[in-house]
Amino acid sequence: SGFGNCAEVQEALERWLDAGGRCDAILANNDHIGIAVLKALDARGIAVPDDMMVTGFGAFELWNYSSPLLTTVASPAHALGQCAARALLDRLARGSFAQREWVLPMSFRSGETTRQHERQPRSRTAQQ
């Protein structure tokens, strides 16, 4: 699929964990991979979000069906496709792009796979 190979991600994560790998959070490049990570961590008895946090990206419909509910970033994939198509048609018609950069809104969707942290004040020696 265009979302990445979930089985390969799970195998790589298992090898990393077997080698003693640990971190606070895993940031998946999409929600499908994020859900694969959740499944692999659950199989190992690693509690999400207490032991390790997981986030996805995209907020595609599958995101709503994960358990625990995956924290993700919603990206406007449809609007991005529309902008790209318009830009391509404009380029073909005029010979150049009318604009070089588009900024589309994204939104954070808090789920059950992350926890909030309070920022620790930096010490004066760290600031100097």
N, C-alpha and C. Protein backbone atom coordinates (compact mmCIF):
# COMPACT_ATOMS: atom_id res chain seq x y z
N SER A 1 0.84 -1.20 0.00
CA SER A 1 0.00 0.00 0.00
C SER A 1 0.87 1.25 0.00
N GLY A 2 0.26 2.38 -0.22
CA GLY A 2 0.99 3.64 -0.23
C GLY A 2 1.27 4.17 1.16
N PHE A 3 0.91 3.42 2.18
CA PHE A 3 1.08 3.89 3.55
C PHE A 3 2.30 3.30 4.24
N GLY A 4 3.03 2.45 3.56
CA GLY A 4 4.19 1.81 4.18
C GLY A 4 3.86 0.39 4.54
N ASN A 5 4.89 -0.39 4.75
CA ASN A 5 4.70 -1.79 5.08
C ASN A 5 4.65 -1.96 6.59
N CYS A 6 3.46 -2.17 7.10
CA CYS A 6 3.27 -2.26 8.55
C CYS A 6 4.02 -3.44 9.15
N ALA A 7 4.05 -4.57 8.45
CA ALA A 7 4.75 -5.75 8.97
C ALA A 7 6.24 -5.47 9.10
N GLU A 8 6.83 -4.80 8.11
CA GLU A 8 8.25 -4.46 8.18
C GLU A 8 8.53 -3.51 9.33
N VAL A 9 7.64 -2.56 9.55
CA VAL A 9 7.81 -1.62 10.66
C VAL A 9 7.75 -2.37 11.99
N GLN A 10 6.80 -3.27 12.12
CA GLN A 10 6.69 -4.04 13.36
C GLN A 10 7.94 -4.89 13.60
N GLU A 11 8.46 -5.51 12.55
CA GLU A 11 9.67 -6.33 12.68
C GLU A 11 10.86 -5.47 13.07
N ALA A 12 11.00 -4.31 12.45
CA ALA A 12 12.11 -3.41 12.79
C ALA A 12 11.99 -2.92 14.22
N LEU A 13 10.78 -2.60 14.66
CA LEU A 13 10.56 -2.16 16.03
C LEU A 13 10.91 -3.28 17.01
N GLU A 14 10.51 -4.50 16.69
CA GLU A 14 10.83 -5.63 17.56
C GLU A 14 12.33 -5.85 17.66
N ARG A 15 13.07 -5.74 16.55
CA ARG A 15 14.53 -5.88 16.60
C ARG A 15 15.15 -4.78 17.45
N TRP A 16 14.63 -3.57 17.31
CA TRP A 16 15.15 -2.43 18.07
C TRP A 16 14.90 -2.64 19.57
N LEU A 17 13.69 -3.08 19.90
CA LEU A 17 13.37 -3.34 21.30
C LEU A 17 14.22 -4.49 21.86
N ASP A 18 14.42 -5.55 21.06
CA ASP A 18 15.26 -6.67 21.48
C ASP A 18 16.69 -6.23 21.78
N ALA A 19 17.14 -5.21 21.04
CA ALA A 19 18.51 -4.70 21.23
C ALA A 19 18.59 -3.71 22.38
N GLY A 20 17.48 -3.53 23.11
CA GLY A 20 17.49 -2.63 24.26
C GLY A 20 17.04 -1.23 23.94
N GLY A 21 16.53 -1.01 22.74
CA GLY A 21 16.07 0.33 22.36
C GLY A 21 14.91 0.80 23.21
N ARG A 22 15.00 2.03 23.65
CA ARG A 22 13.92 2.66 24.43
C ARG A 22 13.85 4.13 24.07
N CYS A 23 12.66 4.70 24.13
CA CYS A 23 12.48 6.13 23.89
C CYS A 23 11.20 6.57 24.58
N ASP A 24 10.96 7.86 24.59
CA ASP A 24 9.73 8.39 25.18
C ASP A 24 8.56 8.31 24.23
N ALA A 25 8.83 8.49 22.93
CA ALA A 25 7.74 8.55 21.96
C ALA A 25 8.20 8.08 20.59
N ILE A 26 7.26 7.52 19.85
CA ILE A 26 7.48 7.15 18.46
C ILE A 26 6.55 8.00 17.62
N LEU A 27 7.12 8.71 16.66
CA LEU A 27 6.34 9.56 15.77
C LEU A 27 6.24 8.86 14.42
N ALA A 28 5.11 8.26 14.13
CA ALA A 28 4.93 7.52 12.89
C ALA A 28 4.65 8.48 11.74
N ASN A 29 5.09 8.09 10.54
CA ASN A 29 4.90 8.97 9.39
C ASN A 29 3.47 8.97 8.88
N ASN A 30 2.64 8.04 9.35
CA ASN A 30 1.21 8.07 9.03
C ASN A 30 0.45 7.26 10.07
N ASP A 31 -0.86 7.32 10.02
CA ASP A 31 -1.67 6.65 11.03
C ASP A 31 -1.61 5.13 10.92
N HIS A 32 -1.49 4.61 9.70
CA HIS A 32 -1.40 3.16 9.53
C HIS A 32 -0.17 2.60 10.26
N ILE A 33 0.95 3.27 10.07
CA ILE A 33 2.18 2.85 10.74
C ILE A 33 2.04 3.04 12.25
N GLY A 34 1.41 4.14 12.67
CA GLY A 34 1.19 4.38 14.09
C GLY A 34 0.39 3.27 14.73
N ILE A 35 -0.62 2.78 14.04
CA ILE A 35 -1.45 1.69 14.56
C ILE A 35 -0.65 0.39 14.60
N ALA A 36 0.21 0.16 13.60
CA ALA A 36 1.09 -1.02 13.61
C ALA A 36 2.03 -0.97 14.80
N VAL A 37 2.54 0.22 15.10
CA VAL A 37 3.42 0.40 16.26
C VAL A 37 2.66 0.09 17.55
N LEU A 38 1.42 0.59 17.65
CA LEU A 38 0.60 0.31 18.84
C LEU A 38 0.45 -1.19 19.05
N LYS A 39 0.18 -1.91 17.97
CA LYS A 39 -0.01 -3.36 18.07
C LYS A 39 1.27 -4.05 18.52
N ALA A 40 2.40 -3.65 17.97
CA ALA A 40 3.69 -4.25 18.34
C ALA A 40 4.03 -3.97 19.80
N LEU A 41 3.78 -2.75 20.25
CA LEU A 41 4.06 -2.41 21.65
C LEU A 41 3.15 -3.17 22.59
N ASP A 42 1.88 -3.29 22.22
CA ASP A 42 0.93 -4.04 23.03
C ASP A 42 1.36 -5.50 23.17
N ALA A 43 1.84 -6.09 22.08
CA ALA A 43 2.29 -7.49 22.11
C ALA A 43 3.47 -7.68 23.06
N ARG A 44 4.23 -6.62 23.26
CA ARG A 44 5.39 -6.67 24.16
C ARG A 44 5.03 -6.28 25.59
N GLY A 45 3.79 -5.90 25.83
CA GLY A 45 3.39 -5.47 27.16
C GLY A 45 3.86 -4.07 27.50
N ILE A 46 4.19 -3.27 26.47
CA ILE A 46 4.62 -1.89 26.68
C ILE A 46 3.37 -1.01 26.70
N ALA A 47 3.12 -0.37 27.82
CA ALA A 47 1.90 0.42 28.00
C ALA A 47 2.02 1.76 27.28
N VAL A 48 1.02 2.04 26.47
CA VAL A 48 0.92 3.32 25.76
C VAL A 48 -0.23 4.09 26.41
N PRO A 49 -0.02 5.31 26.87
CA PRO A 49 1.14 6.16 26.74
C PRO A 49 2.10 6.14 27.94
N ASP A 50 1.81 5.34 28.95
CA ASP A 50 2.61 5.40 30.18
C ASP A 50 4.08 5.06 29.96
N ASP A 51 4.36 3.98 29.24
CA ASP A 51 5.74 3.58 29.00
C ASP A 51 6.33 4.24 27.75
N MET A 52 5.51 4.40 26.74
CA MET A 52 5.96 4.98 25.48
C MET A 52 4.75 5.61 24.79
N MET A 53 4.94 6.79 24.24
CA MET A 53 3.86 7.47 23.52
C MET A 53 4.00 7.20 22.02
N VAL A 54 2.87 7.31 21.31
CA VAL A 54 2.85 7.08 19.86
C VAL A 54 1.96 8.13 19.21
N THR A 55 2.44 8.70 18.11
CA THR A 55 1.59 9.59 17.31
C THR A 55 1.62 9.14 15.86
N GLY A 56 0.54 9.44 15.18
CA GLY A 56 0.45 9.18 13.75
C GLY A 56 0.44 10.49 12.99
N PHE A 57 0.07 10.40 11.72
CA PHE A 57 -0.02 11.60 10.88
C PHE A 57 -1.04 11.33 9.80
N GLY A 58 -1.93 12.27 9.59
CA GLY A 58 -2.89 12.17 8.50
C GLY A 58 -4.34 12.23 8.94
N ALA A 59 -4.66 11.59 10.06
CA ALA A 59 -6.04 11.52 10.56
C ALA A 59 -6.99 10.97 9.51
N PHE A 60 -6.51 9.94 8.77
CA PHE A 60 -7.39 9.26 7.84
C PHE A 60 -8.41 8.46 8.64
N GLU A 61 -9.48 8.02 8.00
CA GLU A 61 -10.59 7.41 8.71
C GLU A 61 -10.18 6.27 9.65
N LEU A 62 -9.17 5.50 9.27
CA LEU A 62 -8.71 4.38 10.09
C LEU A 62 -8.31 4.83 11.50
N TRP A 63 -7.83 6.06 11.62
CA TRP A 63 -7.40 6.62 12.91
C TRP A 63 -8.49 6.47 13.97
N ASN A 64 -9.74 6.64 13.58
CA ASN A 64 -10.86 6.58 14.52
C ASN A 64 -11.09 5.20 15.12
N TYR A 65 -10.51 4.17 14.52
CA TYR A 65 -10.78 2.80 14.94
C TYR A 65 -9.65 2.17 15.74
N SER A 66 -8.62 2.92 16.03
CA SER A 66 -7.52 2.35 16.81
C SER A 66 -7.89 2.30 18.29
N SER A 67 -7.27 1.36 18.97
CA SER A 67 -7.49 1.26 20.41
C SER A 67 -6.15 0.99 21.06
N PRO A 68 -5.66 1.91 21.88
CA PRO A 68 -6.27 3.18 22.24
C PRO A 68 -6.32 4.13 21.04
N LEU A 69 -7.15 5.15 21.15
CA LEU A 69 -7.31 6.12 20.06
C LEU A 69 -5.99 6.83 19.82
N LEU A 70 -5.50 6.72 18.59
CA LEU A 70 -4.20 7.26 18.22
C LEU A 70 -4.21 8.79 18.20
N THR A 71 -3.23 9.39 18.84
CA THR A 71 -3.00 10.83 18.70
C THR A 71 -2.41 11.05 17.32
N THR A 72 -2.89 12.07 16.60
CA THR A 72 -2.43 12.28 15.23
C THR A 72 -2.44 13.76 14.87
N VAL A 73 -1.91 14.05 13.71
CA VAL A 73 -1.97 15.38 13.13
C VAL A 73 -2.80 15.26 11.86
N ALA A 74 -3.86 16.04 11.78
CA ALA A 74 -4.73 16.01 10.59
C ALA A 74 -4.13 16.90 9.52
N SER A 75 -3.90 16.30 8.38
CA SER A 75 -3.38 17.07 7.24
C SER A 75 -4.47 17.13 6.17
N PRO A 76 -4.54 18.23 5.48
CA PRO A 76 -5.59 18.39 4.47
C PRO A 76 -5.19 17.73 3.14
N ALA A 77 -5.17 16.39 3.12
CA ALA A 77 -4.68 15.66 1.95
C ALA A 77 -5.48 16.01 0.69
N HIS A 78 -6.79 16.10 0.81
CA HIS A 78 -7.62 16.42 -0.35
C HIS A 78 -7.29 17.82 -0.88
N ALA A 79 -7.19 18.78 0.01
CA ALA A 79 -6.87 20.15 -0.39
C ALA A 79 -5.47 20.22 -1.01
N LEU A 80 -4.54 19.44 -0.47
CA LEU A 80 -3.20 19.39 -1.03
C LEU A 80 -3.23 18.88 -2.46
N GLY A 81 -4.00 17.83 -2.69
CA GLY A 81 -4.16 17.30 -4.05
C GLY A 81 -4.78 18.32 -4.99
N GLN A 82 -5.78 19.06 -4.52
CA GLN A 82 -6.40 20.10 -5.34
C GLN A 82 -5.39 21.19 -5.70
N CYS A 83 -4.61 21.63 -4.73
CA CYS A 83 -3.59 22.67 -4.99
C CYS A 83 -2.57 22.17 -6.00
N ALA A 84 -2.14 20.93 -5.86
CA ALA A 84 -1.15 20.37 -6.77
C ALA A 84 -1.71 20.27 -8.19
N ALA A 85 -2.96 19.85 -8.32
CA ALA A 85 -3.58 19.75 -9.65
C ALA A 85 -3.72 21.12 -10.28
N ARG A 86 -4.18 22.10 -9.51
CA ARG A 86 -4.30 23.46 -10.04
C ARG A 86 -2.95 24.01 -10.47
N ALA A 87 -1.92 23.77 -9.65
CA ALA A 87 -0.58 24.25 -9.96
C ALA A 87 -0.07 23.61 -11.26
N LEU A 88 -0.30 22.33 -11.41
CA LEU A 88 0.15 21.63 -12.61
C LEU A 88 -0.57 22.15 -13.85
N LEU A 89 -1.88 22.33 -13.74
CA LEU A 89 -2.64 22.87 -14.88
C LEU A 89 -2.18 24.29 -15.21
N ASP A 90 -1.93 25.08 -14.20
CA ASP A 90 -1.44 26.44 -14.39
C ASP A 90 -0.07 26.42 -15.07
N ARG A 91 0.78 25.54 -14.64
CA ARG A 91 2.13 25.40 -15.22
C ARG A 91 2.05 25.00 -16.68
N LEU A 92 1.15 24.08 -17.01
CA LEU A 92 0.99 23.65 -18.40
C LEU A 92 0.43 24.77 -19.28
N ALA A 93 -0.49 25.56 -18.72
CA ALA A 93 -1.12 26.64 -19.49
C ALA A 93 -0.20 27.85 -19.66
N ARG A 94 0.57 28.20 -18.65
CA ARG A 94 1.35 29.44 -18.66
C ARG A 94 2.86 29.24 -18.82
N GLY A 95 3.30 28.02 -18.63
CA GLY A 95 4.73 27.76 -18.75
C GLY A 95 5.51 27.98 -17.46
N SER A 96 4.83 28.41 -16.43
CA SER A 96 5.49 28.60 -15.13
C SER A 96 4.44 28.50 -14.03
N PHE A 97 4.96 28.32 -12.83
CA PHE A 97 4.06 28.27 -11.68
C PHE A 97 3.72 29.69 -11.25
N ALA A 98 2.45 29.94 -10.96
CA ALA A 98 2.04 31.26 -10.50
C ALA A 98 2.53 31.51 -9.07
N GLN A 99 2.69 30.46 -8.33
CA GLN A 99 3.14 30.58 -6.95
C GLN A 99 4.01 29.38 -6.64
N ARG A 100 5.01 29.58 -5.82
CA ARG A 100 5.98 28.52 -5.53
C ARG A 100 5.71 27.79 -4.22
N GLU A 101 4.89 28.35 -3.37
CA GLU A 101 4.69 27.75 -2.05
C GLU A 101 3.24 27.89 -1.62
N TRP A 102 2.72 26.84 -1.03
CA TRP A 102 1.38 26.86 -0.45
C TRP A 102 1.50 26.40 0.99
N VAL A 103 0.80 27.05 1.86
CA VAL A 103 0.77 26.65 3.26
C VAL A 103 -0.67 26.30 3.58
N LEU A 104 -0.87 25.04 3.95
CA LEU A 104 -2.21 24.57 4.26
C LEU A 104 -2.30 24.29 5.76
N PRO A 105 -3.49 24.48 6.33
CA PRO A 105 -3.63 24.30 7.78
C PRO A 105 -3.59 22.82 8.18
N MET A 106 -3.00 22.57 9.33
CA MET A 106 -3.01 21.24 9.95
C MET A 106 -3.56 21.40 11.35
N SER A 107 -4.01 20.31 11.92
CA SER A 107 -4.52 20.40 13.29
C SER A 107 -4.11 19.17 14.08
N PHE A 108 -3.82 19.39 15.35
CA PHE A 108 -3.44 18.33 16.27
C PHE A 108 -4.70 17.67 16.80
N ARG A 109 -4.77 16.35 16.75
CA ARG A 109 -5.91 15.61 17.28
C ARG A 109 -5.43 14.75 18.44
N SER A 110 -5.70 15.23 19.61
CA SER A 110 -5.26 14.52 20.81
C SER A 110 -6.06 13.23 20.96
N GLY A 111 -5.35 12.15 21.15
CA GLY A 111 -5.98 10.85 21.37
C GLY A 111 -5.60 10.32 22.73
N GLU A 112 -5.46 9.00 22.81
CA GLU A 112 -5.14 8.35 24.09
C GLU A 112 -3.72 7.79 24.11
N THR A 113 -2.91 8.14 23.10
CA THR A 113 -1.58 7.54 23.00
C THR A 113 -0.46 8.50 23.36
N THR A 114 -0.82 9.67 23.88
CA THR A 114 0.16 10.63 24.37
C THR A 114 -0.31 11.17 25.71
N ARG A 115 0.62 11.74 26.42
CA ARG A 115 0.27 12.38 27.69
C ARG A 115 0.92 13.76 27.70
N GLN A 116 0.37 14.64 28.47
CA GLN A 116 0.92 15.99 28.54
C GLN A 116 2.08 16.03 29.51
N HIS A 117 3.05 16.83 29.15
CA HIS A 117 4.20 17.04 30.02
C HIS A 117 4.26 18.50 30.41
N GLU A 118 4.62 18.73 31.65
CA GLU A 118 4.86 20.11 32.06
C GLU A 118 6.28 20.46 31.68
N ARG A 119 6.45 21.63 31.14
CA ARG A 119 7.80 22.07 30.79
C ARG A 119 8.60 22.31 32.06
N GLN A 120 9.79 21.78 32.07
CA GLN A 120 10.69 21.99 33.19
C GLN A 120 11.46 23.28 32.95
N PRO A 121 11.53 24.15 33.96
CA PRO A 121 12.30 25.38 33.76
C PRO A 121 13.77 25.04 33.56
N ARG A 122 14.38 25.72 32.61
CA ARG A 122 15.80 25.50 32.37
C ARG A 122 16.60 26.17 33.46
N SER A 123 17.67 25.53 33.87
CA SER A 123 18.50 26.13 34.92
C SER A 123 19.25 27.33 34.35
N ARG A 124 19.67 28.19 35.21
CA ARG A 124 20.39 29.39 34.78
C ARG A 124 21.68 29.01 34.06
N THR A 125 22.34 27.95 34.49
CA THR A 125 23.58 27.56 33.83
C THR A 125 23.32 27.04 32.42
N ALA A 126 22.17 26.40 32.21
CA ALA A 126 21.83 25.89 30.87
C ALA A 126 21.49 27.04 29.93
N GLN A 127 20.98 28.15 30.48
CA GLN A 127 20.59 29.29 29.65
C GLN A 127 21.79 30.12 29.23
N GLN A 128 22.89 30.01 29.96
CA GLN A 128 24.05 30.87 29.67
C GLN A 128 24.91 30.30 28.57
